[in-house]
């Protein structure tokens, strides 16, 4: 018996965010992502940006980093 790995489908917005993170790299905060979304017209709420970053980390695309008073995400290179 084999165990299948399930990767949930990504929305177009999350695919575009992941593509942008791959090309621009660096540290991605809720604020940076929110600015990207506002500029592209993808979603006006900070909660949307925060949720997308957390979802991409939960699914293994990003790594979450927590420092004192600061949270950011980077591309998971593994």
PDB file of N, CA and C in Angstrom:
ATOM      1  N   UNK A   1       0.837  -1.181   0.000  1.00  0.00           N
ATOM      2  CA  UNK A   1       0.000   0.000   0.000  1.00  0.00           C
ATOM      3  C   UNK A   1       0.885   1.249   0.000  1.00  0.00           C
ATOM      4  N   UNK A   2       0.616   2.178  -0.878  1.00  0.00           N
ATOM      5  CA  UNK A   2       1.394   3.409  -0.950  1.00  0.00           C
ATOM      6  C   UNK A   2       0.580   4.559  -0.382  1.00  0.00           C
ATOM      7  N   UNK A   3       1.277   5.533   0.159  1.00  0.00           N
ATOM      8  CA  UNK A   3       0.634   6.715   0.700  1.00  0.00           C
ATOM      9  C   UNK A   3       0.791   7.840  -0.303  1.00  0.00           C
ATOM     10  N   UNK A   4      -0.333   8.410  -0.731  1.00  0.00           N
ATOM     11  CA  UNK A   4      -0.307   9.517  -1.686  1.00  0.00           C
ATOM     12  C   UNK A   4      -0.139  10.834  -0.932  1.00  0.00           C
ATOM     13  N   UNK A   5       0.565  11.749  -1.535  1.00  0.00           N
ATOM     14  CA  UNK A   5       0.710  13.083  -0.975  1.00  0.00           C
ATOM     15  C   UNK A   5      -0.304  13.984  -1.650  1.00  0.00           C
ATOM     16  N   UNK A   6      -1.066  14.695  -0.842  1.00  0.00           N
ATOM     17  CA  UNK A   6      -2.095  15.573  -1.376  1.00  0.00           C
ATOM     18  C   UNK A   6      -1.624  17.010  -1.302  1.00  0.00           C
ATOM     19  N   UNK A   7      -1.629  17.677  -2.418  1.00  0.00           N
ATOM     20  CA  UNK A   7      -1.367  19.107  -2.469  1.00  0.00           C
ATOM     21  C   UNK A   7      -2.634  19.780  -2.972  1.00  0.00           C
ATOM     22  N   UNK A   8      -3.239  20.624  -2.136  1.00  0.00           N
ATOM     23  CA  UNK A   8      -4.490  21.249  -2.543  1.00  0.00           C
ATOM     24  C   UNK A   8      -4.299  22.169  -3.745  1.00  0.00           C
ATOM     25  N   UNK A   9      -5.329  22.326  -4.533  1.00  0.00           N
ATOM     26  CA  UNK A   9      -5.226  23.240  -5.677  1.00  0.00           C
ATOM     27  C   UNK A   9      -5.061  24.678  -5.194  1.00  0.00           C
ATOM     28  N   UNK A  10      -4.279  25.430  -5.908  1.00  0.00           N
ATOM     29  CA  UNK A  10      -4.043  26.822  -5.557  1.00  0.00           C
ATOM     30  C   UNK A  10      -4.945  27.726  -6.380  1.00  0.00           C
ATOM     31  N   UNK A  11      -5.421  28.787  -5.766  1.00  0.00           N
ATOM     32  CA  UNK A  11      -6.191  29.785  -6.504  1.00  0.00           C
ATOM     33  C   UNK A  11      -5.243  30.533  -7.444  1.00  0.00           C
ATOM     34  N   UNK A  12      -5.803  31.195  -8.417  1.00  0.00           N
ATOM     35  CA  UNK A  12      -4.993  31.992  -9.353  1.00  0.00           C
ATOM     36  C   UNK A  12      -4.185  33.032  -8.589  1.00  0.00           C
ATOM     37  N   UNK A  13      -4.805  33.670  -7.587  1.00  0.00           N
ATOM     38  CA  UNK A  13      -4.102  34.700  -6.807  1.00  0.00           C
ATOM     39  C   UNK A  13      -2.896  34.100  -6.102  1.00  0.00           C
ATOM     40  N   UNK A  14      -3.048  32.925  -5.485  1.00  0.00           N
ATOM     41  CA  UNK A  14      -1.938  32.290  -4.775  1.00  0.00           C
ATOM     42  C   UNK A  14      -0.850  31.809  -5.733  1.00  0.00           C
ATOM     43  N   UNK A  15      -1.251  31.350  -6.909  1.00  0.00           N
ATOM     44  CA  UNK A  15      -0.265  30.959  -7.922  1.00  0.00           C
ATOM     45  C   UNK A  15       0.552  32.178  -8.340  1.00  0.00           C
ATOM     46  N   UNK A  16      -0.115  33.300  -8.562  1.00  0.00           N
ATOM     47  CA  UNK A  16       0.598  34.524  -8.949  1.00  0.00           C
ATOM     48  C   UNK A  16       1.513  35.003  -7.826  1.00  0.00           C
ATOM     49  N   UNK A  17       1.044  34.911  -6.578  1.00  0.00           N
ATOM     50  CA  UNK A  17       1.886  35.300  -5.444  1.00  0.00           C
ATOM     51  C   UNK A  17       3.125  34.410  -5.388  1.00  0.00           C
ATOM     52  N   UNK A  18       2.936  33.117  -5.501  1.00  0.00           N
ATOM     53  CA  UNK A  18       4.064  32.189  -5.455  1.00  0.00           C
ATOM     54  C   UNK A  18       5.039  32.449  -6.604  1.00  0.00           C
ATOM     55  N   UNK A  19       4.542  32.712  -7.789  1.00  0.00           N
ATOM     56  CA  UNK A  19       5.410  33.046  -8.929  1.00  0.00           C
ATOM     57  C   UNK A  19       6.204  34.325  -8.654  1.00  0.00           C
ATOM     58  N   UNK A  20       5.548  35.320  -8.048  1.00  0.00           N
ATOM     59  CA  UNK A  20       6.224  36.574  -7.725  1.00  0.00           C
ATOM     60  C   UNK A  20       7.298  36.347  -6.674  1.00  0.00           C
ATOM     61  N   UNK A  21       6.985  35.555  -5.655  1.00  0.00           N
ATOM     62  CA  UNK A  21       7.969  35.256  -4.614  1.00  0.00           C
ATOM     63  C   UNK A  21       9.155  34.511  -5.213  1.00  0.00           C
ATOM     64  N   UNK A  22       8.896  33.595  -6.126  1.00  0.00           N
ATOM     65  CA  UNK A  22       9.987  32.851  -6.777  1.00  0.00           C
ATOM     66  C   UNK A  22      10.893  33.778  -7.581  1.00  0.00           C
ATOM     67  N   UNK A  23      10.317  34.752  -8.246  1.00  0.00           N
ATOM     68  CA  UNK A  23      11.128  35.633  -9.092  1.00  0.00           C
ATOM     69  C   UNK A  23      11.781  36.769  -8.300  1.00  0.00           C
ATOM     70  N   UNK A  24      11.116  37.275  -7.282  1.00  0.00           N
ATOM     71  CA  UNK A  24      11.659  38.404  -6.515  1.00  0.00           C
ATOM     72  C   UNK A  24      12.430  37.957  -5.281  1.00  0.00           C
ATOM     73  N   UNK A  25      12.131  36.768  -4.778  1.00  0.00           N
ATOM     74  CA  UNK A  25      12.722  36.185  -3.567  1.00  0.00           C
ATOM     75  C   UNK A  25      12.682  37.156  -2.388  1.00  0.00           C
ATOM     76  N   UNK A  26      13.543  36.944  -1.420  1.00  0.00           N
ATOM     77  CA  UNK A  26      13.586  37.814  -0.257  1.00  0.00           C
ATOM     78  C   UNK A  26      12.567  37.440   0.802  1.00  0.00           C
ATOM     79  N   UNK A  27      12.367  38.356   1.740  1.00  0.00           N
ATOM     80  CA  UNK A  27      11.446  38.172   2.846  1.00  0.00           C
ATOM     81  C   UNK A  27      10.078  38.737   2.478  1.00  0.00           C
ATOM     82  N   UNK A  28       9.054  37.948   2.709  1.00  0.00           N
ATOM     83  CA  UNK A  28       7.687  38.353   2.383  1.00  0.00           C
ATOM     84  C   UNK A  28       6.863  38.479   3.652  1.00  0.00           C
ATOM     85  N   UNK A  29       6.451  39.695   3.929  1.00  0.00           N
ATOM     86  CA  UNK A  29       5.603  39.988   5.076  1.00  0.00           C
ATOM     87  C   UNK A  29       4.174  40.193   4.591  1.00  0.00           C
ATOM     88  N   UNK A  30       3.264  40.271   5.544  1.00  0.00           N
ATOM     89  CA  UNK A  30       1.877  40.579   5.198  1.00  0.00           C
ATOM     90  C   UNK A  30       1.810  41.921   4.478  1.00  0.00           C
ATOM     91  N   UNK A  31       2.557  42.907   4.962  1.00  0.00           N
ATOM     92  CA  UNK A  31       2.534  44.243   4.358  1.00  0.00           C
ATOM     93  C   UNK A  31       3.048  44.211   2.920  1.00  0.00           C
ATOM     94  N   UNK A  32       4.164  43.542   2.689  1.00  0.00           N
ATOM     95  CA  UNK A  32       4.714  43.460   1.326  1.00  0.00           C
ATOM     96  C   UNK A  32       3.724  42.772   0.388  1.00  0.00           C
ATOM     97  N   UNK A  33       3.122  41.699   0.865  1.00  0.00           N
ATOM     98  CA  UNK A  33       2.150  40.969   0.051  1.00  0.00           C
ATOM     99  C   UNK A  33       0.911  41.813  -0.192  1.00  0.00           C
ATOM    100  N   UNK A  34       0.461  42.525   0.834  1.00  0.00           N
ATOM    101  CA  UNK A  34      -0.705  43.405   0.695  1.00  0.00           C
ATOM    102  C   UNK A  34      -0.444  44.487  -0.349  1.00  0.00           C
ATOM    103  N   UNK A  35       0.740  45.061  -0.326  1.00  0.00           N
ATOM    104  CA  UNK A  35       1.089  46.081  -1.336  1.00  0.00           C
ATOM    105  C   UNK A  35       1.074  45.476  -2.745  1.00  0.00           C
ATOM    106  N   UNK A  36       1.586  44.269  -2.879  1.00  0.00           N
ATOM    107  CA  UNK A  36       1.542  43.577  -4.173  1.00  0.00           C
ATOM    108  C   UNK A  36       0.091  43.407  -4.629  1.00  0.00           C
ATOM    109  N   UNK A  37      -0.755  42.932  -3.730  1.00  0.00           N
ATOM    110  CA  UNK A  37      -2.160  42.697  -4.064  1.00  0.00           C
ATOM    111  C   UNK A  37      -2.873  43.992  -4.440  1.00  0.00           C
ATOM    112  N   UNK A  38      -2.650  45.030  -3.672  1.00  0.00           N
ATOM    113  CA  UNK A  38      -3.304  46.313  -3.962  1.00  0.00           C
ATOM    114  C   UNK A  38      -2.863  46.856  -5.312  1.00  0.00           C
ATOM    115  N   UNK A  39      -1.568  46.753  -5.595  1.00  0.00           N
ATOM    116  CA  UNK A  39      -1.037  47.239  -6.863  1.00  0.00           C
ATOM    117  C   UNK A  39      -1.557  46.459  -8.060  1.00  0.00           C
ATOM    118  N   UNK A  40      -1.794  45.175  -7.857  1.00  0.00           N
ATOM    119  CA  UNK A  40      -2.263  44.317  -8.951  1.00  0.00           C
ATOM    120  C   UNK A  40      -3.785  44.200  -8.994  1.00  0.00           C
ATOM    121  N   UNK A  41      -4.463  44.738  -7.969  1.00  0.00           N
ATOM    122  CA  UNK A  41      -5.916  44.655  -7.920  1.00  0.00           C
ATOM    123  C   UNK A  41      -6.433  43.270  -7.550  1.00  0.00           C
ATOM    124  N   UNK A  42      -5.627  42.467  -6.820  1.00  0.00           N
ATOM    125  CA  UNK A  42      -6.010  41.089  -6.501  1.00  0.00           C
ATOM    126  C   UNK A  42      -6.804  40.952  -5.218  1.00  0.00           C
ATOM    127  N   UNK A  43      -6.697  41.879  -4.300  1.00  0.00           N
ATOM    128  CA  UNK A  43      -7.401  41.758  -3.031  1.00  0.00           C
ATOM    129  C   UNK A  43      -7.020  42.883  -2.099  1.00  0.00           C
ATOM    130  N   UNK A  44      -7.976  43.580  -1.569  1.00  0.00           N
ATOM    131  CA  UNK A  44      -7.681  44.779  -0.794  1.00  0.00           C
ATOM    132  C   UNK A  44      -7.374  44.550   0.687  1.00  0.00           C
ATOM    133  N   UNK A  45      -7.614  43.356   1.214  1.00  0.00           N
ATOM    134  CA  UNK A  45      -7.497  43.163   2.655  1.00  0.00           C
ATOM    135  C   UNK A  45      -6.159  42.568   3.067  1.00  0.00           C
ATOM    136  N   UNK A  46      -5.637  43.068   4.199  1.00  0.00           N
ATOM    137  CA  UNK A  46      -4.410  42.502   4.770  1.00  0.00           C
ATOM    138  C   UNK A  46      -4.641  41.060   5.185  1.00  0.00           C
ATOM    139  N   UNK A  47      -5.854  40.768   5.644  1.00  0.00           N
ATOM    140  CA  UNK A  47      -6.170  39.397   6.073  1.00  0.00           C
ATOM    141  C   UNK A  47      -6.032  38.415   4.914  1.00  0.00           C
ATOM    142  N   UNK A  48      -6.345  38.846   3.712  1.00  0.00           N
ATOM    143  CA  UNK A  48      -6.192  38.000   2.528  1.00  0.00           C
ATOM    144  C   UNK A  48      -4.715  37.683   2.305  1.00  0.00           C
ATOM    145  N   UNK A  49      -3.876  38.702   2.401  1.00  0.00           N
ATOM    146  CA  UNK A  49      -2.432  38.518   2.231  1.00  0.00           C
ATOM    147  C   UNK A  49      -1.881  37.598   3.316  1.00  0.00           C
ATOM    148  N   UNK A  50      -2.274  37.839   4.563  1.00  0.00           N
ATOM    149  CA  UNK A  50      -1.809  37.018   5.686  1.00  0.00           C
ATOM    150  C   UNK A  50      -2.225  35.559   5.502  1.00  0.00           C
ATOM    151  N   UNK A  51      -3.485  35.349   5.130  1.00  0.00           N
ATOM    152  CA  UNK A  51      -3.990  33.993   4.926  1.00  0.00           C
ATOM    153  C   UNK A  51      -3.292  33.263   3.797  1.00  0.00           C
ATOM    154  N   UNK A  52      -3.006  33.974   2.725  1.00  0.00           N
ATOM    155  CA  UNK A  52      -2.319  33.348   1.587  1.00  0.00           C
ATOM    156  C   UNK A  52      -0.894  32.933   1.961  1.00  0.00           C
ATOM    157  N   UNK A  53      -0.186  33.786   2.674  1.00  0.00           N
ATOM    158  CA  UNK A  53       1.171  33.441   3.101  1.00  0.00           C
ATOM    159  C   UNK A  53       1.158  32.225   4.024  1.00  0.00           C
ATOM    160  N   UNK A  54       0.234  32.210   4.976  1.00  0.00           N
ATOM    161  CA  UNK A  54       0.138  31.079   5.901  1.00  0.00           C
ATOM    162  C   UNK A  54      -0.225  29.789   5.170  1.00  0.00           C
ATOM    163  N   UNK A  55      -1.140  29.880   4.202  1.00  0.00           N
ATOM    164  CA  UNK A  55      -1.538  28.695   3.440  1.00  0.00           C
ATOM    165  C   UNK A  55      -0.365  28.150   2.625  1.00  0.00           C
ATOM    166  N   UNK A  56       0.370  29.028   1.979  1.00  0.00           N
ATOM    167  CA  UNK A  56       1.524  28.575   1.193  1.00  0.00           C
ATOM    168  C   UNK A  56       2.599  27.949   2.086  1.00  0.00           C
ATOM    169  N   UNK A  57       2.729  28.448   3.301  1.00  0.00           N
ATOM    170  CA  UNK A  57       3.670  27.839   4.252  1.00  0.00           C
ATOM    171  C   UNK A  57       3.140  26.487   4.728  1.00  0.00           C
ATOM    172  N   UNK A  58       1.869  26.415   5.021  1.00  0.00           N
ATOM    173  CA  UNK A  58       1.261  25.161   5.487  1.00  0.00           C
ATOM    174  C   UNK A  58       1.419  24.057   4.441  1.00  0.00           C
ATOM    175  N   UNK A  59       1.351  24.419   3.174  1.00  0.00           N
ATOM    176  CA  UNK A  59       1.458  23.444   2.085  1.00  0.00           C
ATOM    177  C   UNK A  59       2.894  23.196   1.655  1.00  0.00           C
ATOM    178  N   UNK A  60       3.864  23.855   2.330  1.00  0.00           N
ATOM    179  CA  UNK A  60       5.264  23.561   2.085  1.00  0.00           C
ATOM    180  C   UNK A  60       5.958  24.418   1.038  1.00  0.00           C
ATOM    181  N   UNK A  61       5.271  25.387   0.469  1.00  0.00           N
ATOM    182  CA  UNK A  61       5.895  26.248  -0.542  1.00  0.00           C
ATOM    183  C   UNK A  61       6.790  27.315   0.094  1.00  0.00           C
ATOM    184  N   UNK A  62       6.401  27.782   1.274  1.00  0.00           N
ATOM    185  CA  UNK A  62       7.139  28.832   1.974  1.00  0.00           C
ATOM    186  C   UNK A  62       7.571  28.341   3.347  1.00  0.00           C
ATOM    187  N   UNK A  63       8.571  29.015   3.909  1.00  0.00           N
ATOM    188  CA  UNK A  63       9.010  28.769   5.273  1.00  0.00           C
ATOM    189  C   UNK A  63       8.670  29.997   6.105  1.00  0.00           C
ATOM    190  N   UNK A  64       8.024  29.765   7.239  1.00  0.00           N
ATOM    191  CA  UNK A  64       7.658  30.864   8.136  1.00  0.00           C
ATOM    192  C   UNK A  64       8.782  31.120   9.121  1.00  0.00           C
ATOM    193  N   UNK A  65       9.114  32.400   9.314  1.00  0.00           N
ATOM    194  CA  UNK A  65      10.153  32.816  10.259  1.00  0.00           C
ATOM    195  C   UNK A  65       9.512  33.766  11.268  1.00  0.00           C
ATOM    196  N   UNK A  66       9.703  33.472  12.538  1.00  0.00           N
ATOM    197  CA  UNK A  66       9.177  34.330  13.593  1.00  0.00           C
ATOM    198  C   UNK A  66      10.335  34.906  14.389  1.00  0.00           C
ATOM    199  N   UNK A  67      10.419  36.216  14.374  1.00  0.00           N
ATOM    200  CA  UNK A  67      11.398  36.940  15.178  1.00  0.00           C
ATOM    201  C   UNK A  67      10.610  37.799  16.150  1.00  0.00           C
ATOM    202  N   UNK A  68      11.259  38.349  17.110  1.00  0.00           N
ATOM    203  CA  UNK A  68      10.564  39.164  18.104  1.00  0.00           C
ATOM    204  C   UNK A  68       9.797  40.306  17.430  1.00  0.00           C
ATOM    205  N   UNK A  69       8.484  40.240  17.509  1.00  0.00           N
ATOM    206  CA  UNK A  69       7.639  41.283  16.934  1.00  0.00           C
ATOM    207  C   UNK A  69       7.546  41.282  15.423  1.00  0.00           C
ATOM    208  N   UNK A  70       8.003  40.223  14.784  1.00  0.00           N
ATOM    209  CA  UNK A  70       8.042  40.221  13.318  1.00  0.00           C
ATOM    210  C   UNK A  70       7.882  38.801  12.785  1.00  0.00           C
ATOM    211  N   UNK A  71       7.056  38.671  11.763  1.00  0.00           N
ATOM    212  CA  UNK A  71       6.895  37.388  11.067  1.00  0.00           C
ATOM    213  C   UNK A  71       7.088  37.643   9.578  1.00  0.00           C
ATOM    214  N   UNK A  72       7.850  36.766   8.934  1.00  0.00           N
ATOM    215  CA  UNK A  72       8.009  36.858   7.491  1.00  0.00           C
ATOM    216  C   UNK A  72       8.152  35.458   6.924  1.00  0.00           C
ATOM    217  N   UNK A  73       8.030  35.359   5.623  1.00  0.00           N
ATOM    218  CA  UNK A  73       8.058  34.089   4.922  1.00  0.00           C
ATOM    219  C   UNK A  73       9.103  34.157   3.809  1.00  0.00           C
ATOM    220  N   UNK A  74       9.749  33.025   3.568  1.00  0.00           N
ATOM    221  CA  UNK A  74      10.696  32.914   2.461  1.00  0.00           C
ATOM    222  C   UNK A  74      10.359  31.656   1.658  1.00  0.00           C
ATOM    223  N   UNK A  75      10.830  31.615   0.442  1.00  0.00           N
ATOM    224  CA  UNK A  75      10.609  30.467  -0.410  1.00  0.00           C
ATOM    225  C   UNK A  75      11.285  29.244   0.189  1.00  0.00           C
ATOM    226  N   UNK A  76      10.583  28.143   0.253  1.00  0.00           N
ATOM    227  CA  UNK A  76      11.139  26.887   0.755  1.00  0.00           C
ATOM    228  C   UNK A  76      11.937  26.252  -0.390  1.00  0.00           C
ATOM    229  N   UNK A  77      13.222  26.172  -0.230  1.00  0.00           N
ATOM    230  CA  UNK A  77      14.112  25.673  -1.296  1.00  0.00           C
ATOM    231  C   UNK A  77      14.331  24.171  -1.242  1.00  0.00           C
ATOM    232  N   UNK A  78      13.726  23.476  -0.276  1.00  0.00           N
ATOM    233  CA  UNK A  78      13.941  22.031  -0.166  1.00  0.00           C
ATOM    234  C   UNK A  78      12.941  21.231  -0.952  1.00  0.00           C
TER     235      UNK A  78
END
